[in-house]
Amino acid sequence: VLDLREADLRFFPREIASLPNLEELYLSENEFQFLPDEVGELSRLRVLSLSFNPLTTLPESFKKLANLEVLELSGVPKMDFQRFFALLPALTKIQKLDLSHNALREIGSELCKLSSLEHLNLRNNQLTYVCASLGNMQNLERLDLARNQLQMMAEDLPKLQKLRELNLSYNKLSEEERKRIQTTLPNVSVAY
């Protein structure tokens, strides 16, 4: 475990890549604009926190982080998310993903194909809809969509058999849509 949160780092220390047994890396609240290709050498990494950095892109080698279970990318609104979503299918073990506070207007369809995902935080974005294939996330237990611009939810919500918590507070859902959601998900705790 290596915790370098709030360390005023402007560049990713390349020496970190020479820590083959590193499993958890906390780099939030620094000044990283990019990560070097060497980050892909951290093959045992399970937890990576990059929140609140001025990141603009992630390297292609990010796909090598096949053991990644938790990824925090909150508050990185300058990120090239189209490129990020293209890298996602390689992260087959990802269980928790935080993309909150990013001014996202849409999410890539690749995100909804992550069947291993259990917790997804998309709070404080500008989403008007969530991918139509939301039901593919069969292991999803918690979904936070608070403070977006949602007016309706996907029709395949009932396919989320393991969903227990759904936060839809501070959206633009009509009373009719709220009732539909509650009827569709009777065993889910839904916050409006």
C-alpha atoms as a PDB file:
ATOM      1  CA  VAL A   1       0.000   0.000   0.000  1.00  0.00           C
ATOM      2  CA  LEU A   2       1.318   3.430  -0.958  1.00  0.00           C
ATOM      3  CA  ASP A   3      -0.526   6.590   0.095  1.00  0.00           C
ATOM      4  CA  LEU A   4       0.616   9.811  -1.593  1.00  0.00           C
ATOM      5  CA  ARG A   5      -2.623  11.794  -1.292  1.00  0.00           C
ATOM      6  CA  GLU A   6      -2.233  15.572  -1.138  1.00  0.00           C
ATOM      7  CA  ALA A   7       1.540  15.349  -1.658  1.00  0.00           C
ATOM      8  CA  ASP A   8       1.723  18.263  -4.151  1.00  0.00           C
ATOM      9  CA  LEU A   9       3.176  15.960  -6.789  1.00  0.00           C
ATOM     10  CA  ARG A  10       3.203  17.356 -10.325  1.00  0.00           C
ATOM     11  CA  PHE A  11       4.535  14.198 -11.974  1.00  0.00           C
ATOM     12  CA  PHE A  12       3.916  10.531 -11.347  1.00  0.00           C
ATOM     13  CA  PRO A  13       7.048   9.143  -9.639  1.00  0.00           C
ATOM     14  CA  ARG A  14       8.271   6.546 -12.157  1.00  0.00           C
ATOM     15  CA  GLU A  15       9.931   4.642  -9.319  1.00  0.00           C
ATOM     16  CA  ILE A  16       6.463   3.488  -8.253  1.00  0.00           C
ATOM     17  CA  ALA A  17       6.382   1.236 -11.313  1.00  0.00           C
ATOM     18  CA  SER A  18       9.295  -0.719  -9.840  1.00  0.00           C
ATOM     19  CA  LEU A  19       7.120  -1.897  -6.925  1.00  0.00           C
ATOM     20  CA  PRO A  20       5.851  -5.212  -8.356  1.00  0.00           C
ATOM     21  CA  ASN A  21       3.901  -6.179  -5.217  1.00  0.00           C
ATOM     22  CA  LEU A  22       2.002  -2.903  -4.903  1.00  0.00           C
ATOM     23  CA  GLU A  23      -1.729  -3.575  -4.484  1.00  0.00           C
ATOM     24  CA  GLU A  24      -3.147  -0.211  -3.368  1.00  0.00           C
ATOM     25  CA  LEU A  25      -2.064   3.205  -4.655  1.00  0.00           C
ATOM     26  CA  TYR A  26      -3.629   6.454  -3.443  1.00  0.00           C
ATOM     27  CA  LEU A  27      -2.680   9.518  -5.506  1.00  0.00           C
ATOM     28  CA  SER A  28      -5.725  11.756  -5.143  1.00  0.00           C
ATOM     29  CA  GLU A  29      -5.456  15.531  -4.778  1.00  0.00           C
ATOM     30  CA  ASN A  30      -2.134  16.027  -6.526  1.00  0.00           C
ATOM     31  CA  GLU A  31      -1.290  17.832  -9.771  1.00  0.00           C
ATOM     32  CA  PHE A  32      -0.949  14.948 -12.273  1.00  0.00           C
ATOM     33  CA  GLN A  33      -1.963  15.807 -15.834  1.00  0.00           C
ATOM     34  CA  PHE A  34      -1.072  12.360 -17.152  1.00  0.00           C
ATOM     35  CA  LEU A  35       0.289   8.988 -16.072  1.00  0.00           C
ATOM     36  CA  PRO A  36       3.335   7.433 -17.729  1.00  0.00           C
ATOM     37  CA  ASP A  37       3.199   4.127 -19.626  1.00  0.00           C
ATOM     38  CA  GLU A  38       5.042   2.502 -16.715  1.00  0.00           C
ATOM     39  CA  VAL A  39       1.820   2.486 -14.696  1.00  0.00           C
ATOM     40  CA  GLY A  40       0.841  -0.612 -16.688  1.00  0.00           C
ATOM     41  CA  GLU A  41       3.649  -2.522 -14.979  1.00  0.00           C
ATOM     42  CA  LEU A  42       1.734  -2.493 -11.675  1.00  0.00           C
ATOM     43  CA  SER A  43       0.086  -5.803 -12.533  1.00  0.00           C
ATOM     44  CA  ARG A  44      -0.963  -6.598  -8.947  1.00  0.00           C
ATOM     45  CA  LEU A  45      -2.688  -3.277  -8.379  1.00  0.00           C
ATOM     46  CA  ARG A  46      -6.201  -3.753  -6.970  1.00  0.00           C
ATOM     47  CA  VAL A  47      -7.013  -0.202  -5.788  1.00  0.00           C
ATOM     48  CA  LEU A  48      -6.125   3.027  -7.607  1.00  0.00           C
ATOM     49  CA  SER A  49      -7.261   6.461  -6.483  1.00  0.00           C
ATOM     50  CA  LEU A  50      -6.598   9.327  -8.906  1.00  0.00           C
ATOM     51  CA  SER A  51      -9.406  11.669  -7.860  1.00  0.00           C
ATOM     52  CA  PHE A  52      -9.047  15.432  -7.975  1.00  0.00           C
ATOM     53  CA  ASN A  53      -6.030  15.623 -10.262  1.00  0.00           C
ATOM     54  CA  PRO A  54      -6.001  17.692 -13.491  1.00  0.00           C
ATOM     55  CA  LEU A  55      -5.689  14.459 -15.506  1.00  0.00           C
ATOM     56  CA  THR A  56      -6.382  14.727 -19.219  1.00  0.00           C
ATOM     57  CA  THR A  57      -5.712  11.160 -20.351  1.00  0.00           C
ATOM     58  CA  LEU A  58      -4.655   7.682 -19.284  1.00  0.00           C
ATOM     59  CA  PRO A  59      -1.995   5.700 -21.160  1.00  0.00           C
ATOM     60  CA  GLU A  60      -2.815   2.706 -23.362  1.00  0.00           C
ATOM     61  CA  SER A  61      -0.867   0.567 -20.862  1.00  0.00           C
ATOM     62  CA  PHE A  62      -3.699   1.198 -18.366  1.00  0.00           C
ATOM     63  CA  LYS A  63      -5.363  -1.838 -19.955  1.00  0.00           C
ATOM     64  CA  LYS A  64      -2.693  -4.026 -18.335  1.00  0.00           C
ATOM     65  CA  LEU A  65      -4.126  -3.354 -14.868  1.00  0.00           C
ATOM     66  CA  ALA A  66      -6.213  -6.511 -15.155  1.00  0.00           C
ATOM     67  CA  ASN A  67      -6.448  -7.026 -11.379  1.00  0.00           C
ATOM     68  CA  LEU A  68      -7.889  -3.581 -10.677  1.00  0.00           C
ATOM     69  CA  GLU A  69     -10.986  -3.834  -8.463  1.00  0.00           C
ATOM     70  CA  VAL A  70     -11.428  -0.223  -7.295  1.00  0.00           C
ATOM     71  CA  LEU A  71     -10.864   2.850  -9.468  1.00  0.00           C
ATOM     72  CA  GLU A  72     -11.513   6.375  -8.210  1.00  0.00           C
ATOM     73  CA  LEU A  73     -11.620   9.049 -10.914  1.00  0.00           C
ATOM     74  CA  SER A  74     -13.773  11.642  -9.192  1.00  0.00           C
ATOM     75  CA  GLY A  75     -13.216  15.316  -9.962  1.00  0.00           C
ATOM     76  CA  VAL A  76     -11.149  14.918 -13.150  1.00  0.00           C
ATOM     77  CA  PRO A  77     -13.380  16.872 -15.588  1.00  0.00           C
ATOM     78  CA  LYS A  78     -10.538  17.530 -18.069  1.00  0.00           C
ATOM     79  CA  MET A  79     -10.128  13.793 -18.694  1.00  0.00           C
ATOM     80  CA  ASP A  80     -10.574  12.429 -22.207  1.00  0.00           C
ATOM     81  CA  PHE A  81     -13.428  10.151 -21.151  1.00  0.00           C
ATOM     82  CA  GLN A  82     -14.028   8.817 -24.645  1.00  0.00           C
ATOM     83  CA  ARG A  83     -10.542   7.307 -24.532  1.00  0.00           C
ATOM     84  CA  PHE A  84     -11.085   6.163 -20.947  1.00  0.00           C
ATOM     85  CA  PHE A  85     -14.291   4.313 -21.850  1.00  0.00           C
ATOM     86  CA  ALA A  86     -12.430   2.572 -24.681  1.00  0.00           C
ATOM     87  CA  LEU A  87      -9.912   1.225 -22.115  1.00  0.00           C
ATOM     88  CA  LEU A  88     -12.615  -0.077 -19.755  1.00  0.00           C
ATOM     89  CA  PRO A  89     -13.323  -3.509 -21.309  1.00  0.00           C
ATOM     90  CA  ALA A  90      -9.824  -4.664 -20.278  1.00  0.00           C
ATOM     91  CA  LEU A  91     -10.652  -4.083 -16.597  1.00  0.00           C
ATOM     92  CA  THR A  92     -12.638  -7.286 -16.172  1.00  0.00           C
ATOM     93  CA  LYS A  93     -12.308  -7.439 -12.360  1.00  0.00           C
ATOM     94  CA  ILE A  94     -13.442  -3.895 -11.611  1.00  0.00           C
ATOM     95  CA  GLN A  95     -15.990  -3.867  -8.774  1.00  0.00           C
ATOM     96  CA  LYS A  96     -16.123  -0.228  -7.709  1.00  0.00           C
ATOM     97  CA  LEU A  97     -15.900   2.758 -10.038  1.00  0.00           C
ATOM     98  CA  ASP A  98     -16.210   6.405  -9.016  1.00  0.00           C
ATOM     99  CA  LEU A  99     -16.711   8.898 -11.860  1.00  0.00           C
ATOM    100  CA  SER A 100     -18.504  11.555  -9.825  1.00  0.00           C
ATOM    101  CA  HIS A 101     -17.957  15.328 -10.174  1.00  0.00           C
ATOM    102  CA  ASN A 102     -16.803  15.208 -13.803  1.00  0.00           C
ATOM    103  CA  ALA A 103     -19.437  17.179 -15.759  1.00  0.00           C
ATOM    104  CA  LEU A 104     -20.063  14.056 -17.872  1.00  0.00           C
ATOM    105  CA  ARG A 105     -22.880  14.542 -20.381  1.00  0.00           C
ATOM    106  CA  GLU A 106     -22.843  10.908 -21.465  1.00  0.00           C
ATOM    107  CA  ILE A 107     -21.160   7.647 -20.599  1.00  0.00           C
ATOM    108  CA  GLY A 108     -19.679   5.181 -23.014  1.00  0.00           C
ATOM    109  CA  SER A 109     -21.598   1.990 -23.737  1.00  0.00           C
ATOM    110  CA  GLU A 110     -18.456   0.106 -22.639  1.00  0.00           C
ATOM    111  CA  LEU A 111     -19.263   1.072 -19.050  1.00  0.00           C
ATOM    112  CA  CYS A 112     -22.565  -0.796 -19.114  1.00  0.00           C
ATOM    113  CA  LYS A 113     -20.784  -3.953 -20.253  1.00  0.00           C
ATOM    114  CA  LEU A 114     -18.791  -4.245 -17.018  1.00  0.00           C
ATOM    115  CA  SER A 115     -20.565  -7.256 -15.536  1.00  0.00           C
ATOM    116  CA  SER A 116     -18.192  -7.393 -12.521  1.00  0.00           C
ATOM    117  CA  LEU A 117     -19.177  -3.892 -11.340  1.00  0.00           C
ATOM    118  CA  GLU A 118     -20.852  -3.791  -7.907  1.00  0.00           C
ATOM    119  CA  HIS A 119     -20.716  -0.078  -7.031  1.00  0.00           C
ATOM    120  CA  LEU A 120     -20.990   2.749  -9.571  1.00  0.00           C
ATOM    121  CA  ASN A 121     -20.866   6.408  -8.583  1.00  0.00           C
ATOM    122  CA  LEU A 122     -21.943   8.872 -11.286  1.00  0.00           C
ATOM    123  CA  ARG A 123     -23.080  11.592  -8.869  1.00  0.00           C
ATOM    124  CA  ASN A 124     -22.702  15.283  -9.774  1.00  0.00           C
ATOM    125  CA  ASN A 125     -22.453  15.031 -13.535  1.00  0.00           C
ATOM    126  CA  GLN A 126     -24.700  16.339 -16.323  1.00  0.00           C
ATOM    127  CA  LEU A 127     -26.173  13.045 -17.504  1.00  0.00           C
ATOM    128  CA  THR A 128     -29.556  13.191 -19.217  1.00  0.00           C
ATOM    129  CA  TYR A 129     -29.671   9.415 -19.694  1.00  0.00           C
ATOM    130  CA  VAL A 130     -27.755   6.302 -18.719  1.00  0.00           C
ATOM    131  CA  CYS A 131     -26.860   3.673 -21.316  1.00  0.00           C
ATOM    132  CA  ALA A 132     -29.739   1.567 -22.581  1.00  0.00           C
ATOM    133  CA  SER A 133     -27.893  -1.649 -21.703  1.00  0.00           C
ATOM    134  CA  LEU A 134     -27.743  -0.866 -17.987  1.00  0.00           C
ATOM    135  CA  GLY A 135     -29.182  -4.330 -17.284  1.00  0.00           C
ATOM    136  CA  ASN A 136     -25.894  -5.930 -18.385  1.00  0.00           C
ATOM    137  CA  MET A 137     -24.320  -4.927 -15.065  1.00  0.00           C
ATOM    138  CA  GLN A 138     -25.657  -8.049 -13.394  1.00  0.00           C
ATOM    139  CA  ASN A 139     -23.628  -7.674 -10.182  1.00  0.00           C
ATOM    140  CA  LEU A 140     -24.472  -4.025  -9.562  1.00  0.00           C
ATOM    141  CA  GLU A 141     -25.558  -3.472  -5.939  1.00  0.00           C
ATOM    142  CA  ARG A 142     -25.247   0.309  -5.557  1.00  0.00           C
ATOM    143  CA  LEU A 143     -25.830   2.964  -8.208  1.00  0.00           C
ATOM    144  CA  ASP A 144     -25.493   6.663  -7.383  1.00  0.00           C
ATOM    145  CA  LEU A 145     -26.939   8.986 -10.022  1.00  0.00           C
ATOM    146  CA  ALA A 146     -27.742  11.917  -7.737  1.00  0.00           C
ATOM    147  CA  ARG A 147     -27.403  15.476  -9.017  1.00  0.00           C
ATOM    148  CA  ASN A 148     -27.669  14.829 -12.742  1.00  0.00           C
ATOM    149  CA  GLN A 149     -30.252  15.883 -15.347  1.00  0.00           C
ATOM    150  CA  LEU A 150     -32.126  12.581 -15.610  1.00  0.00           C
ATOM    151  CA  GLN A 151     -35.781  12.636 -16.607  1.00  0.00           C
ATOM    152  CA  MET A 152     -36.233   8.889 -16.997  1.00  0.00           C
ATOM    153  CA  MET A 153     -34.407   5.619 -16.349  1.00  0.00           C
ATOM    154  CA  ALA A 154     -33.635   2.698 -18.655  1.00  0.00           C
ATOM    155  CA  GLU A 155     -36.388   0.165 -19.307  1.00  0.00           C
ATOM    156  CA  ASP A 156     -34.150  -2.765 -18.387  1.00  0.00           C
ATOM    157  CA  LEU A 157     -33.803  -1.762 -14.709  1.00  0.00           C
ATOM    158  CA  PRO A 158     -35.517  -4.997 -13.560  1.00  0.00           C
ATOM    159  CA  LYS A 159     -32.562  -6.971 -14.931  1.00  0.00           C
ATOM    160  CA  LEU A 160     -30.414  -5.549 -12.123  1.00  0.00           C
ATOM    161  CA  GLN A 161     -31.258  -8.446  -9.811  1.00  0.00           C
ATOM    162  CA  LYS A 162     -28.612  -7.589  -7.191  1.00  0.00           C
ATOM    163  CA  LEU A 163     -29.347  -3.854  -7.013  1.00  0.00           C
ATOM    164  CA  ARG A 164     -30.070  -2.773  -3.434  1.00  0.00           C
ATOM    165  CA  GLU A 165     -29.456   1.008  -3.458  1.00  0.00           C
ATOM    166  CA  LEU A 166     -30.326   3.541  -6.147  1.00  0.00           C
ATOM    167  CA  ASN A 167     -29.769   7.257  -5.525  1.00  0.00           C
ATOM    168  CA  LEU A 168     -31.723   9.465  -7.920  1.00  0.00           C
ATOM    169  CA  SER A 169     -31.988  12.556  -5.726  1.00  0.00           C
ATOM    170  CA  TYR A 170     -31.782  15.996  -7.340  1.00  0.00           C
ATOM    171  CA  ASN A 171     -32.763  14.866 -10.833  1.00  0.00           C
ATOM    172  CA  LYS A 172     -35.689  15.916 -13.020  1.00  0.00           C
ATOM    173  CA  LEU A 173     -37.791  12.768 -12.647  1.00  0.00           C
ATOM    174  CA  SER A 174     -41.541  13.222 -12.884  1.00  0.00           C
ATOM    175  CA  GLU A 175     -43.819  11.762 -10.245  1.00  0.00           C
ATOM    176  CA  GLU A 176     -45.003   9.243 -12.837  1.00  0.00           C
ATOM    177  CA  GLU A 177     -41.424   8.116 -13.557  1.00  0.00           C
ATOM    178  CA  ARG A 178     -40.707   7.798  -9.836  1.00  0.00           C
ATOM    179  CA  LYS A 179     -43.721   5.524  -9.412  1.00  0.00           C
ATOM    180  CA  ARG A 180     -42.661   3.422 -12.405  1.00  0.00           C
ATOM    181  CA  ILE A 181     -39.179   2.994 -10.946  1.00  0.00           C
ATOM    182  CA  GLN A 182     -40.500   2.068  -7.501  1.00  0.00           C
ATOM    183  CA  THR A 183     -42.929  -0.450  -9.017  1.00  0.00           C
ATOM    184  CA  THR A 184     -40.181  -1.901 -11.199  1.00  0.00           C
ATOM    185  CA  LEU A 185     -37.735  -2.162  -8.276  1.00  0.00           C
ATOM    186  CA  PRO A 186     -39.821  -3.094  -5.220  1.00  0.00           C
ATOM    187  CA  ASN A 187     -36.844  -4.499  -3.251  1.00  0.00           C
ATOM    188  CA  VAL A 188     -34.504  -1.589  -3.897  1.00  0.00           C
ATOM    189  CA  SER A 189     -33.969   1.372  -1.592  1.00  0.00           C
ATOM    190  CA  VAL A 190     -34.486   4.342  -3.930  1.00  0.00           C
ATOM    191  CA  ALA A 191     -33.659   7.907  -2.877  1.00  0.00           C
ATOM    192  CA  TYR A 192     -35.334  10.779  -4.687  1.00  0.00           C
END
